[in-house]
N, C-alpha and C. Protein backbone atom coordinates (compact mmCIF):
# COMPACT_ATOMS: atom_id res chain seq x y z
N MET A 1 117.55 3.05 130.28
CA MET A 1 116.52 4.07 130.16
C MET A 1 116.42 4.49 128.69
N SER A 2 115.21 4.62 128.18
CA SER A 2 114.99 4.97 126.78
C SER A 2 114.96 6.48 126.58
N THR A 3 115.52 6.91 125.47
CA THR A 3 115.50 8.34 125.13
C THR A 3 114.23 8.71 124.37
N ASN A 4 113.51 7.70 123.85
CA ASN A 4 112.35 7.89 122.97
C ASN A 4 112.74 8.53 121.65
N LEU A 5 114.03 8.52 121.31
CA LEU A 5 114.47 9.04 120.02
C LEU A 5 114.53 7.90 119.01
N ARG A 6 114.16 8.18 117.77
CA ARG A 6 114.23 7.19 116.70
C ARG A 6 115.32 7.62 115.73
N THR A 7 115.96 6.64 115.11
CA THR A 7 117.02 6.90 114.15
C THR A 7 116.63 6.32 112.80
N LEU A 8 116.72 7.14 111.77
CA LEU A 8 116.46 6.70 110.40
C LEU A 8 117.64 5.88 109.92
N VAL A 9 117.37 4.73 109.31
CA VAL A 9 118.43 3.87 108.79
C VAL A 9 118.39 3.89 107.27
N LEU A 10 119.53 4.25 106.67
CA LEU A 10 119.67 4.27 105.22
C LEU A 10 120.52 3.07 104.80
N ASN A 11 120.28 2.58 103.58
CA ASN A 11 121.15 1.51 103.08
C ASN A 11 122.42 2.14 102.50
N SER A 12 123.30 1.34 101.98
CA SER A 12 124.58 1.86 101.50
C SER A 12 124.43 2.78 100.28
N ASN A 13 123.24 2.80 99.67
CA ASN A 13 122.95 3.72 98.57
C ASN A 13 122.31 5.02 99.07
N PHE A 14 122.28 5.19 100.39
CA PHE A 14 121.69 6.37 101.04
C PHE A 14 120.20 6.51 100.75
N MET A 15 119.54 5.37 100.65
CA MET A 15 118.08 5.33 100.51
C MET A 15 117.53 4.66 101.76
N PRO A 16 116.28 4.98 102.15
CA PRO A 16 115.71 4.34 103.33
C PRO A 16 115.69 2.82 103.15
N VAL A 17 115.95 2.10 104.21
CA VAL A 17 115.93 0.64 104.16
C VAL A 17 114.54 0.17 103.74
N SER A 18 113.50 0.82 104.24
CA SER A 18 112.13 0.45 103.86
C SER A 18 111.19 1.62 104.12
N VAL A 19 110.13 1.67 103.32
CA VAL A 19 109.05 2.64 103.54
C VAL A 19 107.70 1.93 103.61
N PHE A 20 107.72 0.60 103.68
CA PHE A 20 106.49 -0.20 103.73
C PHE A 20 106.39 -0.92 105.07
N PRO A 21 105.40 -0.75 105.86
CA PRO A 21 104.31 0.19 105.69
C PRO A 21 104.69 1.61 106.11
N LYS A 22 105.77 1.70 106.89
CA LYS A 22 106.23 3.02 107.30
C LYS A 22 107.75 3.07 107.17
N LEU A 23 108.28 4.21 107.41
CA LEU A 23 109.71 4.43 107.32
C LEU A 23 110.43 3.58 108.37
N TYR A 24 111.46 2.85 107.93
CA TYR A 24 112.20 1.98 108.85
C TYR A 24 113.11 2.82 109.74
N THR A 25 112.88 2.72 111.03
CA THR A 25 113.70 3.40 112.03
C THR A 25 114.03 2.41 113.14
N ILE A 26 115.02 2.78 113.94
CA ILE A 26 115.38 1.99 115.11
C ILE A 26 115.53 2.94 116.30
N PRO A 27 115.45 2.40 117.51
CA PRO A 27 115.70 3.26 118.68
C PRO A 27 117.12 3.82 118.62
N ALA A 28 117.29 5.04 119.07
CA ALA A 28 118.61 5.68 119.05
C ALA A 28 119.63 4.88 119.85
N GLU A 29 119.19 4.19 120.89
CA GLU A 29 120.11 3.36 121.68
C GLU A 29 120.69 2.23 120.82
N GLU A 30 119.85 1.63 119.99
CA GLU A 30 120.33 0.58 119.09
C GLU A 30 121.27 1.17 118.03
N ALA A 31 120.96 2.37 117.57
CA ALA A 31 121.82 3.03 116.58
C ALA A 31 123.22 3.27 117.15
N ILE A 32 123.29 3.68 118.41
CA ILE A 32 124.61 3.88 119.05
C ILE A 32 125.37 2.55 119.06
N SER A 33 124.70 1.48 119.40
CA SER A 33 125.37 0.16 119.41
C SER A 33 125.90 -0.19 118.03
N ARG A 34 125.08 0.05 117.00
CA ARG A 34 125.51 -0.26 115.63
C ARG A 34 126.70 0.60 115.21
N VAL A 35 126.69 1.85 115.62
CA VAL A 35 127.81 2.75 115.29
C VAL A 35 129.08 2.28 115.99
N LEU A 36 128.96 1.97 117.27
CA LEU A 36 130.14 1.54 118.03
C LEU A 36 130.70 0.20 117.57
N ASN A 37 129.82 -0.69 117.04
CA ASN A 37 130.35 -1.98 116.55
C ASN A 37 130.77 -1.91 115.09
N GLY A 38 130.60 -0.74 114.45
CA GLY A 38 131.08 -0.54 113.10
C GLY A 38 130.14 -0.95 111.98
N SER A 39 128.94 -1.40 112.31
CA SER A 39 128.02 -1.81 111.24
C SER A 39 127.28 -0.63 110.61
N CYS A 40 127.28 0.52 111.27
CA CYS A 40 126.63 1.72 110.74
C CYS A 40 127.54 2.94 110.97
N ALA A 41 127.34 3.96 110.16
CA ALA A 41 128.05 5.23 110.33
C ALA A 41 127.02 6.34 110.52
N VAL A 42 127.34 7.30 111.34
CA VAL A 42 126.42 8.40 111.62
C VAL A 42 126.47 9.41 110.47
N ILE A 43 125.30 9.82 110.02
CA ILE A 43 125.16 10.83 108.97
C ILE A 43 124.69 12.15 109.57
N ALA A 44 123.78 12.06 110.55
CA ALA A 44 123.26 13.27 111.22
C ALA A 44 122.96 12.92 112.67
N ASN A 45 123.11 13.91 113.53
CA ASN A 45 122.86 13.73 114.96
C ASN A 45 121.73 14.61 115.43
N TYR A 46 121.10 14.18 116.53
CA TYR A 46 120.21 15.06 117.27
C TYR A 46 121.12 16.00 118.06
N ASP A 47 120.59 17.12 118.44
CA ASP A 47 121.37 18.06 119.26
C ASP A 47 121.18 17.66 120.73
N ARG A 48 121.62 16.45 121.03
CA ARG A 48 121.41 15.90 122.36
C ARG A 48 122.56 14.94 122.67
N PRO A 49 123.37 15.22 123.67
CA PRO A 49 124.52 14.36 123.97
C PRO A 49 124.11 13.04 124.62
N VAL A 50 124.91 12.02 124.37
CA VAL A 50 124.78 10.76 125.09
C VAL A 50 125.54 10.93 126.39
N LEU A 51 124.85 10.79 127.50
CA LEU A 51 125.49 11.00 128.80
C LEU A 51 126.17 9.71 129.23
N THR A 52 127.49 9.74 129.21
CA THR A 52 128.29 8.58 129.58
C THR A 52 129.52 9.07 130.34
N PRO A 53 129.96 8.32 131.34
CA PRO A 53 131.12 8.77 132.13
C PRO A 53 132.43 8.71 131.34
N SER A 54 132.50 7.87 130.30
CA SER A 54 133.78 7.70 129.62
C SER A 54 133.96 8.53 128.36
N ARG A 55 132.85 9.03 127.79
CA ARG A 55 132.97 9.82 126.56
C ARG A 55 132.08 11.05 126.63
N SER A 56 132.57 12.14 126.10
CA SER A 56 131.77 13.36 126.09
C SER A 56 131.49 13.83 124.67
N ASP A 57 131.96 13.07 123.67
CA ASP A 57 131.83 13.49 122.29
C ASP A 57 130.67 12.83 121.54
N LEU A 58 129.90 11.98 122.20
CA LEU A 58 128.81 11.28 121.52
C LEU A 58 127.50 12.05 121.59
N GLN A 59 126.82 12.09 120.45
CA GLN A 59 125.45 12.62 120.41
C GLN A 59 124.56 11.51 119.89
N TRP A 60 123.26 11.60 120.21
CA TRP A 60 122.33 10.59 119.74
C TRP A 60 122.18 10.71 118.22
N PRO A 61 122.35 9.60 117.49
CA PRO A 61 122.24 9.65 116.03
C PRO A 61 120.80 9.82 115.57
N SER A 62 120.63 10.70 114.62
CA SER A 62 119.33 10.91 113.99
C SER A 62 119.22 10.08 112.71
N VAL A 63 120.33 10.02 111.96
CA VAL A 63 120.36 9.25 110.71
C VAL A 63 121.66 8.46 110.67
N VAL A 64 121.55 7.17 110.35
CA VAL A 64 122.74 6.34 110.15
C VAL A 64 122.64 5.65 108.80
N VAL A 65 123.81 5.31 108.26
CA VAL A 65 123.86 4.54 107.02
C VAL A 65 124.47 3.19 107.36
N ASN A 66 123.83 2.15 106.81
CA ASN A 66 124.29 0.79 107.03
C ASN A 66 125.54 0.57 106.20
N ASN A 67 126.62 0.11 106.81
CA ASN A 67 127.87 -0.13 106.09
C ASN A 67 127.83 -1.40 105.23
N ASN A 68 126.80 -2.19 105.41
CA ASN A 68 126.64 -3.40 104.61
C ASN A 68 126.39 -2.99 103.16
N THR A 69 127.12 -3.55 102.23
CA THR A 69 127.00 -3.12 100.83
C THR A 69 125.94 -3.88 100.05
N LYS A 70 125.17 -4.76 100.72
CA LYS A 70 124.12 -5.49 100.00
C LYS A 70 123.08 -4.50 99.48
N SER A 71 122.63 -4.73 98.27
CA SER A 71 121.57 -3.88 97.73
C SER A 71 120.22 -4.40 98.24
N PHE A 72 119.24 -3.55 98.25
CA PHE A 72 117.94 -3.96 98.74
C PHE A 72 117.21 -4.78 97.69
N LYS A 73 116.32 -5.63 98.16
CA LYS A 73 115.56 -6.49 97.25
C LYS A 73 114.45 -5.67 96.61
N LYS A 74 114.28 -5.86 95.32
CA LYS A 74 113.24 -5.12 94.62
C LYS A 74 112.01 -5.97 94.38
N GLU A 75 111.99 -7.17 94.95
CA GLU A 75 110.83 -8.03 94.83
C GLU A 75 109.77 -7.53 95.80
N VAL A 76 108.55 -7.46 95.35
CA VAL A 76 107.46 -6.98 96.20
C VAL A 76 106.67 -8.17 96.71
N LYS A 77 106.69 -8.35 98.02
CA LYS A 77 105.94 -9.45 98.62
C LYS A 77 104.52 -9.00 98.90
N LEU A 78 103.60 -9.93 98.74
CA LEU A 78 102.20 -9.65 99.04
C LEU A 78 102.00 -9.67 100.55
N LYS A 79 101.82 -8.48 101.10
CA LYS A 79 101.54 -8.30 102.52
C LYS A 79 100.41 -7.27 102.61
N LYS A 80 99.82 -7.17 103.77
CA LYS A 80 98.74 -6.19 103.94
C LYS A 80 99.22 -4.78 103.63
N SER A 81 100.44 -4.46 104.04
CA SER A 81 100.94 -3.10 103.82
C SER A 81 101.17 -2.80 102.34
N THR A 82 101.71 -3.76 101.60
CA THR A 82 101.95 -3.51 100.17
C THR A 82 100.63 -3.51 99.40
N LEU A 83 99.69 -4.35 99.81
CA LEU A 83 98.36 -4.36 99.19
C LEU A 83 97.66 -3.02 99.43
N TYR A 84 97.81 -2.50 100.63
CA TYR A 84 97.22 -1.21 101.00
C TYR A 84 97.64 -0.12 100.01
N TYR A 85 98.94 -0.07 99.70
CA TYR A 85 99.41 0.96 98.79
C TYR A 85 99.05 0.64 97.33
N ARG A 86 99.14 -0.62 96.93
CA ARG A 86 98.79 -0.96 95.55
C ARG A 86 97.35 -0.52 95.23
N ASP A 87 96.44 -0.75 96.18
CA ASP A 87 95.03 -0.41 95.96
C ASP A 87 94.67 0.98 96.47
N HIS A 88 95.67 1.82 96.65
CA HIS A 88 95.50 3.24 96.98
C HIS A 88 94.66 3.48 98.23
N ALA A 89 94.75 2.57 99.19
CA ALA A 89 94.09 2.72 100.50
C ALA A 89 92.57 2.82 100.41
N THR A 90 92.00 2.25 99.35
CA THR A 90 90.54 2.28 99.21
C THR A 90 90.00 0.88 98.94
N CYS A 91 88.83 0.64 99.45
CA CYS A 91 88.14 -0.63 99.22
C CYS A 91 87.79 -0.73 97.74
N VAL A 92 88.12 -1.85 97.12
CA VAL A 92 87.86 -2.01 95.68
C VAL A 92 86.38 -2.25 95.39
N TYR A 93 85.57 -2.45 96.42
CA TYR A 93 84.14 -2.69 96.21
C TYR A 93 83.29 -1.45 96.46
N CYS A 94 83.48 -0.79 97.59
CA CYS A 94 82.63 0.37 97.90
C CYS A 94 83.35 1.70 97.73
N GLY A 95 84.67 1.67 97.61
CA GLY A 95 85.44 2.90 97.39
C GLY A 95 85.76 3.69 98.64
N CYS A 96 85.40 3.17 99.82
CA CYS A 96 85.69 3.92 101.05
C CYS A 96 87.17 3.82 101.38
N ASP A 97 87.66 4.82 102.13
CA ASP A 97 89.04 4.80 102.59
C ASP A 97 89.20 3.72 103.65
N VAL A 98 90.33 3.04 103.60
CA VAL A 98 90.62 1.99 104.57
C VAL A 98 91.85 2.42 105.36
N ASN A 99 91.76 2.33 106.68
CA ASN A 99 92.89 2.64 107.55
C ASN A 99 93.91 1.51 107.44
N ILE A 100 95.17 1.86 107.42
CA ILE A 100 96.22 0.83 107.26
C ILE A 100 96.19 -0.21 108.37
N ASN A 101 95.67 0.14 109.53
CA ASN A 101 95.57 -0.82 110.64
C ASN A 101 94.34 -1.70 110.55
N GLU A 102 93.48 -1.45 109.54
CA GLU A 102 92.25 -2.23 109.39
C GLU A 102 92.17 -2.92 108.04
N VAL A 103 93.32 -3.16 107.42
CA VAL A 103 93.38 -3.78 106.11
C VAL A 103 92.89 -5.23 106.19
N THR A 104 91.99 -5.59 105.27
CA THR A 104 91.61 -7.00 105.13
C THR A 104 91.82 -7.41 103.68
N TYR A 105 92.29 -8.62 103.51
CA TYR A 105 92.44 -9.21 102.18
C TYR A 105 91.07 -9.69 101.72
N ASP A 106 90.82 -9.62 100.45
CA ASP A 106 89.69 -10.36 99.90
C ASP A 106 90.21 -11.12 98.69
N HIS A 107 89.87 -12.38 98.63
CA HIS A 107 90.22 -13.20 97.48
C HIS A 107 89.10 -13.05 96.47
N VAL A 108 89.41 -12.47 95.31
CA VAL A 108 88.41 -12.20 94.27
C VAL A 108 87.68 -13.51 93.94
N ILE A 109 88.43 -14.52 93.60
CA ILE A 109 87.84 -15.86 93.48
C ILE A 109 88.14 -16.52 94.83
N PRO A 110 87.09 -16.78 95.61
CA PRO A 110 87.31 -17.30 96.96
C PRO A 110 88.16 -18.57 96.98
N ARG A 111 88.94 -18.69 98.00
CA ARG A 111 89.82 -19.87 98.13
C ARG A 111 89.01 -21.16 98.17
N VAL A 112 87.82 -21.12 98.77
CA VAL A 112 87.00 -22.34 98.82
C VAL A 112 86.50 -22.75 97.43
N LYS A 113 86.62 -21.83 96.46
CA LYS A 113 86.21 -22.13 95.09
C LYS A 113 87.42 -22.26 94.17
N GLY A 114 88.59 -22.48 94.76
CA GLY A 114 89.79 -22.70 93.96
C GLY A 114 90.67 -21.49 93.76
N GLY A 115 90.30 -20.36 94.31
CA GLY A 115 91.14 -19.15 94.18
C GLY A 115 92.43 -19.30 94.98
N HIS A 116 93.46 -18.67 94.53
CA HIS A 116 94.75 -18.76 95.21
C HIS A 116 95.08 -17.44 95.91
N HIS A 117 96.08 -17.49 96.76
CA HIS A 117 96.52 -16.30 97.49
C HIS A 117 97.71 -15.70 96.74
N GLY A 118 97.43 -14.86 95.77
CA GLY A 118 98.47 -14.23 94.97
C GLY A 118 98.02 -12.85 94.54
N TRP A 119 98.97 -12.06 94.05
CA TRP A 119 98.69 -10.68 93.66
C TRP A 119 97.50 -10.57 92.71
N ASP A 120 97.35 -11.49 91.78
CA ASP A 120 96.30 -11.38 90.77
C ASP A 120 94.94 -11.87 91.26
N ASN A 121 94.83 -12.27 92.53
CA ASN A 121 93.55 -12.71 93.07
C ASN A 121 93.22 -12.08 94.42
N VAL A 122 94.06 -11.17 94.90
CA VAL A 122 93.83 -10.56 96.21
C VAL A 122 93.65 -9.06 96.04
N VAL A 123 92.64 -8.51 96.73
CA VAL A 123 92.38 -7.08 96.70
C VAL A 123 92.16 -6.56 98.12
N LEU A 124 92.24 -5.26 98.25
CA LEU A 124 91.98 -4.59 99.52
C LEU A 124 90.48 -4.32 99.62
N SER A 125 89.92 -4.72 100.74
CA SER A 125 88.51 -4.40 100.95
C SER A 125 88.31 -3.98 102.41
N CYS A 126 87.28 -3.20 102.62
CA CYS A 126 86.95 -2.84 104.00
C CYS A 126 86.37 -4.08 104.66
N SER A 127 86.39 -4.12 105.96
CA SER A 127 85.91 -5.32 106.66
C SER A 127 84.43 -5.56 106.41
N ASP A 128 83.66 -4.49 106.23
CA ASP A 128 82.23 -4.65 105.97
C ASP A 128 81.99 -5.35 104.63
N CYS A 129 82.64 -4.88 103.57
CA CYS A 129 82.47 -5.51 102.26
C CYS A 129 83.02 -6.93 102.27
N ASN A 130 84.13 -7.13 102.95
CA ASN A 130 84.73 -8.46 103.01
C ASN A 130 83.77 -9.44 103.67
N SER A 131 83.11 -9.01 104.74
CA SER A 131 82.14 -9.88 105.43
C SER A 131 80.93 -10.15 104.55
N ARG A 132 80.41 -9.09 103.92
CA ARG A 132 79.21 -9.25 103.11
C ARG A 132 79.46 -10.08 101.85
N LYS A 133 80.65 -9.95 101.27
CA LYS A 133 80.96 -10.71 100.06
C LYS A 133 81.06 -12.20 100.37
N GLY A 134 81.69 -12.52 101.49
CA GLY A 134 81.83 -13.93 101.85
C GLY A 134 82.49 -14.72 100.74
N HIS A 135 81.82 -15.77 100.28
CA HIS A 135 82.37 -16.64 99.24
C HIS A 135 81.71 -16.37 97.89
N SER A 136 81.18 -15.16 97.70
CA SER A 136 80.50 -14.82 96.44
C SER A 136 81.49 -14.74 95.29
N ASP A 137 80.98 -15.02 94.10
CA ASP A 137 81.79 -14.90 92.89
C ASP A 137 81.98 -13.41 92.55
N PRO A 138 83.01 -13.09 91.77
CA PRO A 138 83.29 -11.69 91.42
C PRO A 138 82.38 -11.16 90.30
N VAL A 139 81.10 -11.05 90.60
CA VAL A 139 80.14 -10.51 89.63
C VAL A 139 79.32 -9.42 90.30
N GLY A 140 78.74 -8.55 89.48
CA GLY A 140 77.92 -7.46 90.00
C GLY A 140 78.69 -6.57 90.94
N LYS A 141 78.11 -6.31 92.12
CA LYS A 141 78.77 -5.41 93.05
C LYS A 141 80.05 -6.01 93.64
N TRP A 142 80.28 -7.30 93.44
CA TRP A 142 81.50 -7.93 93.96
C TRP A 142 82.59 -8.08 92.90
N LYS A 143 82.42 -7.38 91.79
CA LYS A 143 83.50 -7.31 90.81
C LYS A 143 84.38 -6.12 91.22
N PRO A 144 85.68 -6.35 91.44
CA PRO A 144 86.53 -5.25 91.90
C PRO A 144 86.58 -4.08 90.91
N ALA A 145 86.61 -2.88 91.45
CA ALA A 145 86.67 -1.67 90.62
C ALA A 145 87.99 -1.61 89.84
N ARG A 146 89.04 -2.21 90.39
CA ARG A 146 90.35 -2.27 89.72
C ARG A 146 90.78 -3.72 89.63
N LYS A 147 91.32 -4.09 88.50
CA LYS A 147 91.79 -5.46 88.32
C LYS A 147 93.06 -5.67 89.16
N PRO A 148 93.10 -6.74 89.96
CA PRO A 148 94.30 -6.99 90.76
C PRO A 148 95.49 -7.36 89.87
N TYR A 149 96.67 -6.94 90.28
CA TYR A 149 97.89 -7.21 89.52
C TYR A 149 99.09 -7.23 90.46
N ALA A 150 100.18 -7.78 89.99
CA ALA A 150 101.42 -7.80 90.76
C ALA A 150 102.20 -6.53 90.44
N PRO A 151 102.30 -5.60 91.38
CA PRO A 151 103.02 -4.35 91.11
C PRO A 151 104.53 -4.55 91.12
N SER A 152 105.22 -3.77 90.33
CA SER A 152 106.68 -3.79 90.42
C SER A 152 107.08 -2.94 91.63
N PHE A 153 108.30 -3.09 92.07
CA PHE A 153 108.82 -2.29 93.17
C PHE A 153 108.67 -0.80 92.87
N TYR A 154 108.99 -0.41 91.64
CA TYR A 154 108.96 1.01 91.27
C TYR A 154 107.54 1.55 91.19
N GLU A 155 106.59 0.73 90.72
CA GLU A 155 105.19 1.16 90.72
C GLU A 155 104.71 1.41 92.15
N LEU A 156 105.04 0.48 93.02
CA LEU A 156 104.62 0.61 94.42
C LEU A 156 105.26 1.81 95.09
N MET A 157 106.53 2.06 94.78
CA MET A 157 107.20 3.25 95.33
C MET A 157 106.53 4.53 94.84
N ASP A 158 106.16 4.58 93.56
CA ASP A 158 105.48 5.77 93.04
C ASP A 158 104.16 6.01 93.76
N ILE A 159 103.43 4.94 94.04
CA ILE A 159 102.16 5.07 94.77
C ILE A 159 102.44 5.50 96.20
N ARG A 160 103.43 4.89 96.84
CA ARG A 160 103.76 5.18 98.25
C ARG A 160 104.11 6.65 98.45
N LYS A 161 104.68 7.27 97.42
CA LYS A 161 105.07 8.68 97.53
C LYS A 161 103.88 9.61 97.70
N ASN A 162 102.68 9.12 97.42
CA ASN A 162 101.47 9.93 97.57
C ASN A 162 100.93 9.93 99.00
N PHE A 163 101.54 9.14 99.86
CA PHE A 163 101.09 9.03 101.24
C PHE A 163 102.16 9.64 102.15
N PRO A 164 101.76 10.35 103.20
CA PRO A 164 102.76 11.00 104.06
C PRO A 164 103.63 10.00 104.82
N LEU A 165 104.86 10.40 105.04
CA LEU A 165 105.78 9.63 105.86
C LEU A 165 105.85 10.27 107.24
N VAL A 166 105.90 9.44 108.27
CA VAL A 166 106.11 9.95 109.62
C VAL A 166 107.62 10.07 109.82
N ILE A 167 108.05 11.26 110.20
CA ILE A 167 109.47 11.49 110.48
C ILE A 167 109.61 12.03 111.90
N TYR A 168 110.78 11.79 112.50
CA TYR A 168 111.02 12.21 113.87
C TYR A 168 112.02 13.36 113.97
N ASP A 169 112.59 13.75 112.84
CA ASP A 169 113.55 14.85 112.83
C ASP A 169 113.42 15.52 111.46
N GLU A 170 113.32 16.83 111.45
CA GLU A 170 113.15 17.55 110.18
C GLU A 170 114.28 17.29 109.19
N CYS A 171 115.48 17.01 109.69
CA CYS A 171 116.61 16.77 108.78
C CYS A 171 116.41 15.53 107.93
N TRP A 172 115.51 14.62 108.33
CA TRP A 172 115.29 13.40 107.56
C TRP A 172 114.79 13.70 106.15
N SER A 173 114.07 14.79 105.98
CA SER A 173 113.47 15.09 104.68
C SER A 173 114.51 15.19 103.57
N GLN A 174 115.73 15.61 103.89
CA GLN A 174 116.77 15.71 102.86
C GLN A 174 117.21 14.34 102.35
N TYR A 175 116.93 13.29 103.11
CA TYR A 175 117.27 11.93 102.68
C TYR A 175 116.07 11.23 102.03
N LEU A 176 114.99 11.96 101.90
CA LEU A 176 113.75 11.43 101.31
C LEU A 176 113.24 12.39 100.24
N PRO A 177 114.07 12.74 99.26
CA PRO A 177 113.72 13.82 98.34
C PRO A 177 112.50 13.53 97.46
N GLU A 178 112.19 12.28 97.24
CA GLU A 178 111.06 11.97 96.35
C GLU A 178 109.72 11.98 97.07
N PHE A 179 109.74 12.10 98.38
CA PHE A 179 108.51 12.15 99.14
C PHE A 179 108.18 13.60 99.44
N SER A 180 106.96 13.99 99.20
CA SER A 180 106.61 15.40 99.35
C SER A 180 105.81 15.69 100.61
N SER A 181 105.34 14.67 101.28
CA SER A 181 104.47 14.90 102.42
C SER A 181 105.02 14.17 103.66
N TYR A 182 105.15 14.94 104.75
CA TYR A 182 105.69 14.41 106.00
C TYR A 182 104.80 14.80 107.17
N VAL A 183 104.83 13.97 108.18
CA VAL A 183 104.20 14.29 109.45
C VAL A 183 105.33 14.21 110.47
N LEU A 184 105.66 15.35 111.06
CA LEU A 184 106.72 15.40 112.07
C LEU A 184 106.14 15.01 113.42
N VAL A 185 106.70 13.96 114.01
CA VAL A 185 106.25 13.48 115.32
C VAL A 185 107.34 13.76 116.33
N GLN A 186 106.97 14.32 117.43
CA GLN A 186 107.94 14.63 118.49
C GLN A 186 108.29 13.35 119.26
N PRO A 187 109.51 13.24 119.75
CA PRO A 187 109.89 12.05 120.52
C PRO A 187 108.90 11.76 121.64
N GLY A 188 108.57 10.47 121.78
CA GLY A 188 107.64 10.06 122.82
C GLY A 188 106.20 10.04 122.38
N MET A 189 105.88 10.68 121.23
CA MET A 189 104.50 10.66 120.73
C MET A 189 104.31 9.42 119.88
N LYS A 190 103.09 8.92 119.85
CA LYS A 190 102.77 7.76 119.00
C LYS A 190 102.59 8.24 117.59
N ASP A 191 103.24 7.56 116.63
CA ASP A 191 103.10 7.97 115.23
C ASP A 191 101.76 7.52 114.69
N GLU A 192 101.22 8.32 113.82
CA GLU A 192 99.92 8.05 113.21
C GLU A 192 100.08 7.98 111.72
N GLU A 193 100.57 6.89 111.21
CA GLU A 193 100.74 6.74 109.77
C GLU A 193 99.78 5.73 109.25
């Protein structure tokens, strides 16, 4: 049976494992398994006991830290979620806001004309502009408002901090000091990030 509780996972540097496209969390049931097998340690608990016949001292973990000492990769892969943040969630052609669930890639120089799929040739566009542009060259209204580029991990993190994080427990904010905007979601509710 699911508790509908989510657990924030921190790396060994006490930083979130990932914030792209959203904060990396796992079900609290999985967090208990990781704690019991020694791969994670509990940092904070929900005020809710784990009901088990053999133990009365367990509470559902709210935040765990991964005991693995590997550092996180700082390479930024081109994915819809990272493109969304690099281009500030706006279509580079018409300037409209784009929902993260409706992200479409546009190849500035179309692939059929020799363009490649890389940071310096891919931009975020709304589906309407993407359809209308088709295989057009990047001239006139189809010249992107911002030149595409490969962002560094730190540039992308700085941009990401301008977008709210969905959190499931108020205590998580102390582990996310550089983020200023949060949306608190109650257990069982669908997150809207």
